Amino acid sequence: MVNVAKREKFRIGELNIILCSDEYLYKLNVSYLKHKTYTDIITFDFSQGTSPLSGELYISLERVMENADKLGLTTRDELHRVMVHGLLHLCGYSDKTSSGKAEMRKQEDLYLSLRKFL
């Protein structure tokens, strides 16, 4: 994660990754984002300015395992994708539009392909 941030021209201050259940993350989604949907990750950005990055990544391990199974991936690979996704949000990427989603996926794929080297 540190190397991904570095390549994005950021450094990490404090980053907490919390693995939780689907139900716990659903409740956070409803409470904080007013979304009545299940999701694999919610990112809370506590950064003050640009760097260092500071935040919390809440990840539903159940959702990650289910998505990995559906996509024919290992849980490890899908978990890495979701973690990179959350970090990209902290770096300023947004997936609110189709072009934003495509750019985030492109960056996720890039960083996942470099895992052996980072």
N, C-alpha and C. Protein backbone atom coordinates (compact mmCIF):
# COMPACT_ATOMS: atom_id res chain seq x y z
N MET A 1 0.83 -1.19 0.00
CA MET A 1 0.00 0.00 0.00
C MET A 1 0.87 1.25 0.00
N VAL A 2 1.96 1.20 0.74
CA VAL A 2 2.86 2.35 0.79
C VAL A 2 3.41 2.66 -0.60
N ASN A 3 3.76 1.63 -1.34
CA ASN A 3 4.32 1.86 -2.68
C ASN A 3 3.28 2.37 -3.66
N VAL A 4 2.04 1.96 -3.51
CA VAL A 4 0.97 2.50 -4.36
C VAL A 4 0.82 3.98 -4.08
N ALA A 5 0.77 4.35 -2.82
CA ALA A 5 0.65 5.76 -2.45
C ALA A 5 1.84 6.55 -3.00
N LYS A 6 3.03 5.99 -2.87
CA LYS A 6 4.24 6.67 -3.35
C LYS A 6 4.17 6.93 -4.85
N ARG A 7 3.69 5.92 -5.62
CA ARG A 7 3.58 6.08 -7.07
C ARG A 7 2.52 7.12 -7.43
N GLU A 8 1.56 7.32 -6.54
CA GLU A 8 0.53 8.34 -6.75
C GLU A 8 0.97 9.70 -6.19
N LYS A 9 2.23 9.77 -5.72
CA LYS A 9 2.82 11.02 -5.20
C LYS A 9 2.25 11.41 -3.85
N PHE A 10 1.91 10.41 -3.04
CA PHE A 10 1.44 10.63 -1.68
C PHE A 10 2.27 9.80 -0.73
N ARG A 11 2.13 10.10 0.53
CA ARG A 11 2.65 9.21 1.56
C ARG A 11 1.51 8.92 2.52
N ILE A 12 1.63 7.80 3.22
CA ILE A 12 0.58 7.40 4.14
C ILE A 12 0.95 7.84 5.54
N GLY A 13 0.02 8.53 6.18
CA GLY A 13 0.18 8.91 7.57
C GLY A 13 -0.36 7.79 8.44
N GLU A 14 -1.68 7.78 8.58
CA GLU A 14 -2.34 6.72 9.35
C GLU A 14 -3.43 6.10 8.49
N LEU A 15 -3.34 4.81 8.31
CA LEU A 15 -4.32 4.08 7.51
C LEU A 15 -4.73 2.84 8.27
N ASN A 16 -6.00 2.78 8.62
CA ASN A 16 -6.55 1.61 9.31
C ASN A 16 -7.39 0.82 8.33
N ILE A 17 -7.16 -0.49 8.29
CA ILE A 17 -7.94 -1.38 7.46
C ILE A 17 -8.71 -2.29 8.40
N ILE A 18 -10.04 -2.17 8.35
CA ILE A 18 -10.91 -2.90 9.25
C ILE A 18 -11.69 -3.92 8.45
N LEU A 19 -11.45 -5.20 8.73
CA LEU A 19 -12.21 -6.27 8.09
C LEU A 19 -13.44 -6.54 8.95
N CYS A 20 -14.60 -6.54 8.32
CA CYS A 20 -15.84 -6.68 9.07
C CYS A 20 -16.84 -7.55 8.30
N SER A 21 -18.00 -7.72 8.87
CA SER A 21 -19.06 -8.52 8.25
C SER A 21 -19.87 -7.68 7.27
N ASP A 22 -20.62 -8.36 6.44
CA ASP A 22 -21.55 -7.69 5.52
C ASP A 22 -22.52 -6.80 6.29
N GLU A 23 -23.08 -7.34 7.35
CA GLU A 23 -24.10 -6.60 8.12
C GLU A 23 -23.51 -5.34 8.75
N TYR A 24 -22.32 -5.45 9.30
CA TYR A 24 -21.68 -4.29 9.91
C TYR A 24 -21.44 -3.20 8.87
N LEU A 25 -20.93 -3.58 7.71
CA LEU A 25 -20.66 -2.60 6.66
C LEU A 25 -21.95 -2.02 6.10
N TYR A 26 -22.98 -2.85 6.00
CA TYR A 26 -24.29 -2.36 5.54
C TYR A 26 -24.79 -1.26 6.49
N LYS A 27 -24.66 -1.49 7.79
CA LYS A 27 -25.11 -0.49 8.77
C LYS A 27 -24.32 0.81 8.64
N LEU A 28 -23.01 0.71 8.41
CA LEU A 28 -22.22 1.91 8.17
C LEU A 28 -22.68 2.63 6.90
N ASN A 29 -22.96 1.86 5.87
CA ASN A 29 -23.40 2.42 4.59
C ASN A 29 -24.70 3.20 4.77
N VAL A 30 -25.62 2.64 5.52
CA VAL A 30 -26.90 3.31 5.77
C VAL A 30 -26.69 4.54 6.66
N SER A 31 -25.94 4.37 7.74
CA SER A 31 -25.76 5.45 8.72
C SER A 31 -25.00 6.65 8.16
N TYR A 32 -23.89 6.40 7.48
CA TYR A 32 -23.03 7.49 7.06
C TYR A 32 -23.25 7.96 5.63
N LEU A 33 -23.63 7.04 4.74
CA LEU A 33 -23.78 7.41 3.33
C LEU A 33 -25.23 7.40 2.85
N LYS A 34 -26.12 6.94 3.72
CA LYS A 34 -27.56 6.86 3.38
C LYS A 34 -27.82 5.96 2.19
N HIS A 35 -26.95 4.97 1.98
CA HIS A 35 -27.12 3.98 0.92
C HIS A 35 -27.64 2.69 1.53
N LYS A 36 -28.78 2.23 1.08
CA LYS A 36 -29.35 0.98 1.59
C LYS A 36 -28.95 -0.18 0.70
N THR A 37 -27.63 -0.34 0.55
CA THR A 37 -27.08 -1.42 -0.28
C THR A 37 -25.88 -2.04 0.43
N TYR A 38 -25.62 -3.27 0.06
CA TYR A 38 -24.41 -3.94 0.54
C TYR A 38 -23.26 -3.50 -0.37
N THR A 39 -22.07 -3.47 0.18
CA THR A 39 -20.90 -3.07 -0.57
C THR A 39 -19.69 -3.83 -0.03
N ASP A 40 -18.60 -3.80 -0.78
CA ASP A 40 -17.40 -4.49 -0.32
C ASP A 40 -16.49 -3.58 0.49
N ILE A 41 -16.58 -2.26 0.26
CA ILE A 41 -15.70 -1.33 0.97
C ILE A 41 -16.34 0.03 1.14
N ILE A 42 -16.04 0.65 2.26
CA ILE A 42 -16.35 2.06 2.49
C ILE A 42 -15.06 2.70 2.95
N THR A 43 -14.72 3.82 2.32
CA THR A 43 -13.50 4.54 2.65
C THR A 43 -13.86 5.84 3.36
N PHE A 44 -13.27 6.05 4.52
CA PHE A 44 -13.42 7.31 5.24
C PHE A 44 -12.08 8.04 5.15
N ASP A 45 -12.12 9.23 4.57
CA ASP A 45 -10.91 10.02 4.35
C ASP A 45 -10.78 11.04 5.48
N PHE A 46 -9.71 10.93 6.25
CA PHE A 46 -9.44 11.88 7.33
C PHE A 46 -8.25 12.77 7.00
N SER A 47 -7.81 12.74 5.76
CA SER A 47 -6.65 13.53 5.34
C SER A 47 -6.94 15.01 5.48
N GLN A 48 -5.93 15.75 5.83
CA GLN A 48 -6.03 17.20 5.93
C GLN A 48 -5.14 17.77 4.84
N GLY A 49 -5.71 18.06 3.70
CA GLY A 49 -4.90 18.49 2.57
C GLY A 49 -4.54 17.31 1.71
N THR A 50 -3.36 17.32 1.14
CA THR A 50 -3.00 16.29 0.17
C THR A 50 -2.19 15.15 0.75
N SER A 51 -1.24 15.43 1.64
CA SER A 51 -0.39 14.37 2.14
C SER A 51 0.05 14.73 3.55
N PRO A 52 0.14 13.84 4.44
CA PRO A 52 -0.01 12.40 4.26
C PRO A 52 -1.47 11.99 4.21
N LEU A 53 -1.70 10.84 3.58
CA LEU A 53 -3.04 10.27 3.52
C LEU A 53 -3.39 9.70 4.89
N SER A 54 -4.63 9.88 5.27
CA SER A 54 -5.10 9.35 6.54
C SER A 54 -6.54 8.91 6.35
N GLY A 55 -6.85 7.71 6.81
CA GLY A 55 -8.22 7.26 6.67
C GLY A 55 -8.44 5.86 7.18
N GLU A 56 -9.66 5.41 6.97
CA GLU A 56 -10.05 4.06 7.36
C GLU A 56 -10.73 3.38 6.19
N LEU A 57 -10.34 2.13 5.96
CA LEU A 57 -10.97 1.30 4.93
C LEU A 57 -11.73 0.20 5.65
N TYR A 58 -13.04 0.25 5.57
CA TYR A 58 -13.88 -0.81 6.13
C TYR A 58 -14.21 -1.77 5.00
N ILE A 59 -13.83 -3.02 5.17
CA ILE A 59 -13.97 -4.01 4.11
C ILE A 59 -14.78 -5.20 4.62
N SER A 60 -15.83 -5.54 3.87
CA SER A 60 -16.61 -6.73 4.20
C SER A 60 -15.88 -7.95 3.66
N LEU A 61 -15.34 -8.74 4.55
CA LEU A 61 -14.63 -9.93 4.13
C LEU A 61 -15.60 -10.92 3.48
N GLU A 62 -16.83 -10.97 3.96
CA GLU A 62 -17.84 -11.85 3.35
C GLU A 62 -18.08 -11.46 1.89
N ARG A 63 -18.22 -10.15 1.65
CA ARG A 63 -18.48 -9.66 0.29
C ARG A 63 -17.27 -9.92 -0.61
N VAL A 64 -16.07 -9.72 -0.09
CA VAL A 64 -14.85 -9.97 -0.85
C VAL A 64 -14.78 -11.45 -1.25
N MET A 65 -15.08 -12.34 -0.31
CA MET A 65 -15.03 -13.77 -0.61
C MET A 65 -16.09 -14.14 -1.64
N GLU A 66 -17.28 -13.58 -1.53
CA GLU A 66 -18.35 -13.85 -2.49
C GLU A 66 -17.99 -13.34 -3.88
N ASN A 67 -17.46 -12.12 -3.94
CA ASN A 67 -17.07 -11.55 -5.23
C ASN A 67 -15.93 -12.34 -5.87
N ALA A 68 -14.97 -12.76 -5.05
CA ALA A 68 -13.86 -13.56 -5.57
C ALA A 68 -14.38 -14.84 -6.19
N ASP A 69 -15.32 -15.47 -5.51
CA ASP A 69 -15.90 -16.71 -6.02
C ASP A 69 -16.63 -16.47 -7.35
N LYS A 70 -17.42 -15.40 -7.41
CA LYS A 70 -18.16 -15.07 -8.63
C LYS A 70 -17.22 -14.76 -9.80
N LEU A 71 -16.09 -14.11 -9.49
CA LEU A 71 -15.16 -13.69 -10.53
C LEU A 71 -14.08 -14.73 -10.84
N GLY A 72 -14.08 -15.82 -10.08
CA GLY A 72 -13.08 -16.86 -10.29
C GLY A 72 -11.69 -16.43 -9.84
N LEU A 73 -11.63 -15.60 -8.82
CA LEU A 73 -10.37 -15.11 -8.28
C LEU A 73 -10.12 -15.71 -6.91
N THR A 74 -8.90 -15.59 -6.43
CA THR A 74 -8.63 -15.96 -5.05
C THR A 74 -9.14 -14.84 -4.15
N THR A 75 -9.47 -15.20 -2.93
CA THR A 75 -9.89 -14.19 -1.95
C THR A 75 -8.77 -13.16 -1.77
N ARG A 76 -7.54 -13.63 -1.76
CA ARG A 76 -6.38 -12.75 -1.60
C ARG A 76 -6.33 -11.71 -2.71
N ASP A 77 -6.51 -12.14 -3.95
CA ASP A 77 -6.46 -11.20 -5.08
C ASP A 77 -7.59 -10.17 -5.00
N GLU A 78 -8.79 -10.63 -4.67
CA GLU A 78 -9.92 -9.70 -4.58
C GLU A 78 -9.74 -8.76 -3.40
N LEU A 79 -9.22 -9.25 -2.29
CA LEU A 79 -8.96 -8.39 -1.13
C LEU A 79 -7.94 -7.32 -1.50
N HIS A 80 -6.90 -7.69 -2.21
CA HIS A 80 -5.91 -6.71 -2.64
C HIS A 80 -6.55 -5.65 -3.54
N ARG A 81 -7.41 -6.08 -4.46
CA ARG A 81 -8.08 -5.12 -5.34
C ARG A 81 -8.90 -4.12 -4.53
N VAL A 82 -9.65 -4.61 -3.57
CA VAL A 82 -10.50 -3.74 -2.76
C VAL A 82 -9.65 -2.78 -1.92
N MET A 83 -8.54 -3.27 -1.39
CA MET A 83 -7.65 -2.40 -0.61
C MET A 83 -7.07 -1.30 -1.49
N VAL A 84 -6.62 -1.65 -2.68
CA VAL A 84 -6.08 -0.65 -3.62
C VAL A 84 -7.19 0.33 -3.99
N HIS A 85 -8.39 -0.17 -4.21
CA HIS A 85 -9.53 0.69 -4.54
C HIS A 85 -9.74 1.76 -3.46
N GLY A 86 -9.74 1.32 -2.21
CA GLY A 86 -9.92 2.26 -1.11
C GLY A 86 -8.80 3.29 -1.05
N LEU A 87 -7.57 2.84 -1.24
CA LEU A 87 -6.44 3.76 -1.22
C LEU A 87 -6.53 4.76 -2.38
N LEU A 88 -6.98 4.31 -3.53
CA LEU A 88 -7.16 5.23 -4.66
C LEU A 88 -8.19 6.30 -4.34
N HIS A 89 -9.23 5.94 -3.60
CA HIS A 89 -10.19 6.96 -3.16
C HIS A 89 -9.47 8.01 -2.32
N LEU A 90 -8.61 7.58 -1.41
CA LEU A 90 -7.87 8.52 -0.57
C LEU A 90 -6.94 9.41 -1.40
N CYS A 91 -6.49 8.89 -2.54
CA CYS A 91 -5.62 9.65 -3.45
C CYS A 91 -6.42 10.61 -4.34
N GLY A 92 -7.74 10.57 -4.24
CA GLY A 92 -8.56 11.51 -5.00
C GLY A 92 -9.33 10.93 -6.16
N TYR A 93 -9.20 9.64 -6.40
CA TYR A 93 -9.96 9.02 -7.49
C TYR A 93 -11.42 8.88 -7.07
N SER A 94 -12.30 9.02 -8.04
CA SER A 94 -13.74 8.86 -7.79
C SER A 94 -14.31 7.86 -8.79
N ASP A 95 -15.28 7.09 -8.33
CA ASP A 95 -15.95 6.14 -9.22
C ASP A 95 -17.43 6.44 -9.34
N LYS A 96 -17.77 7.73 -9.26
CA LYS A 96 -19.17 8.16 -9.35
C LYS A 96 -19.69 8.19 -10.79
N THR A 97 -18.78 8.24 -11.76
CA THR A 97 -19.18 8.26 -13.17
C THR A 97 -18.61 7.03 -13.86
N SER A 98 -19.11 6.73 -15.04
CA SER A 98 -18.59 5.57 -15.77
C SER A 98 -17.14 5.78 -16.15
N SER A 99 -16.76 7.01 -16.52
CA SER A 99 -15.36 7.25 -16.86
C SER A 99 -14.47 7.17 -15.62
N GLY A 100 -14.97 7.63 -14.48
CA GLY A 100 -14.23 7.51 -13.22
C GLY A 100 -14.05 6.07 -12.81
N LYS A 101 -15.10 5.26 -12.99
CA LYS A 101 -15.00 3.83 -12.68
C LYS A 101 -13.96 3.16 -13.56
N ALA A 102 -13.97 3.51 -14.85
CA ALA A 102 -13.02 2.91 -15.79
C ALA A 102 -11.59 3.29 -15.42
N GLU A 103 -11.38 4.54 -15.03
CA GLU A 103 -10.04 4.98 -14.64
C GLU A 103 -9.58 4.27 -13.36
N MET A 104 -10.47 4.14 -12.40
CA MET A 104 -10.11 3.43 -11.17
C MET A 104 -9.77 1.98 -11.46
N ARG A 105 -10.54 1.34 -12.29
CA ARG A 105 -10.28 -0.07 -12.63
C ARG A 105 -8.92 -0.19 -13.32
N LYS A 106 -8.63 0.75 -14.21
CA LYS A 106 -7.34 0.75 -14.90
C LYS A 106 -6.19 0.86 -13.89
N GLN A 107 -6.33 1.77 -12.93
CA GLN A 107 -5.29 1.94 -11.91
C GLN A 107 -5.20 0.72 -10.99
N GLU A 108 -6.34 0.15 -10.62
CA GLU A 108 -6.34 -1.08 -9.81
C GLU A 108 -5.57 -2.17 -10.54
N ASP A 109 -5.89 -2.37 -11.81
CA ASP A 109 -5.22 -3.40 -12.60
C ASP A 109 -3.72 -3.15 -12.68
N LEU A 110 -3.34 -1.90 -12.88
CA LEU A 110 -1.93 -1.55 -12.94
C LEU A 110 -1.22 -1.94 -11.65
N TYR A 111 -1.74 -1.49 -10.53
CA TYR A 111 -1.07 -1.74 -9.25
C TYR A 111 -1.10 -3.22 -8.87
N LEU A 112 -2.17 -3.90 -9.21
CA LEU A 112 -2.21 -5.34 -8.92
C LEU A 112 -1.18 -6.08 -9.77
N SER A 113 -0.96 -5.62 -10.98
CA SER A 113 0.03 -6.28 -11.85
C SER A 113 1.45 -6.07 -11.35
N LEU A 114 1.65 -5.05 -10.54
CA LEU A 114 2.98 -4.72 -10.04
C LEU A 114 3.26 -5.31 -8.65
N ARG A 115 2.29 -6.03 -8.08
CA ARG A 115 2.45 -6.53 -6.72
C ARG A 115 3.77 -7.25 -6.48
N LYS A 116 4.21 -8.03 -7.42
CA LYS A 116 5.44 -8.78 -7.24
C LYS A 116 6.64 -7.86 -7.11
N PHE A 117 6.50 -6.67 -7.70
CA PHE A 117 7.64 -5.77 -7.79
C PHE A 117 7.59 -4.63 -6.77
N LEU A 118 6.43 -4.39 -6.17
CA LEU A 118 6.31 -3.26 -5.24
C LEU A 118 6.58 -3.67 -3.82
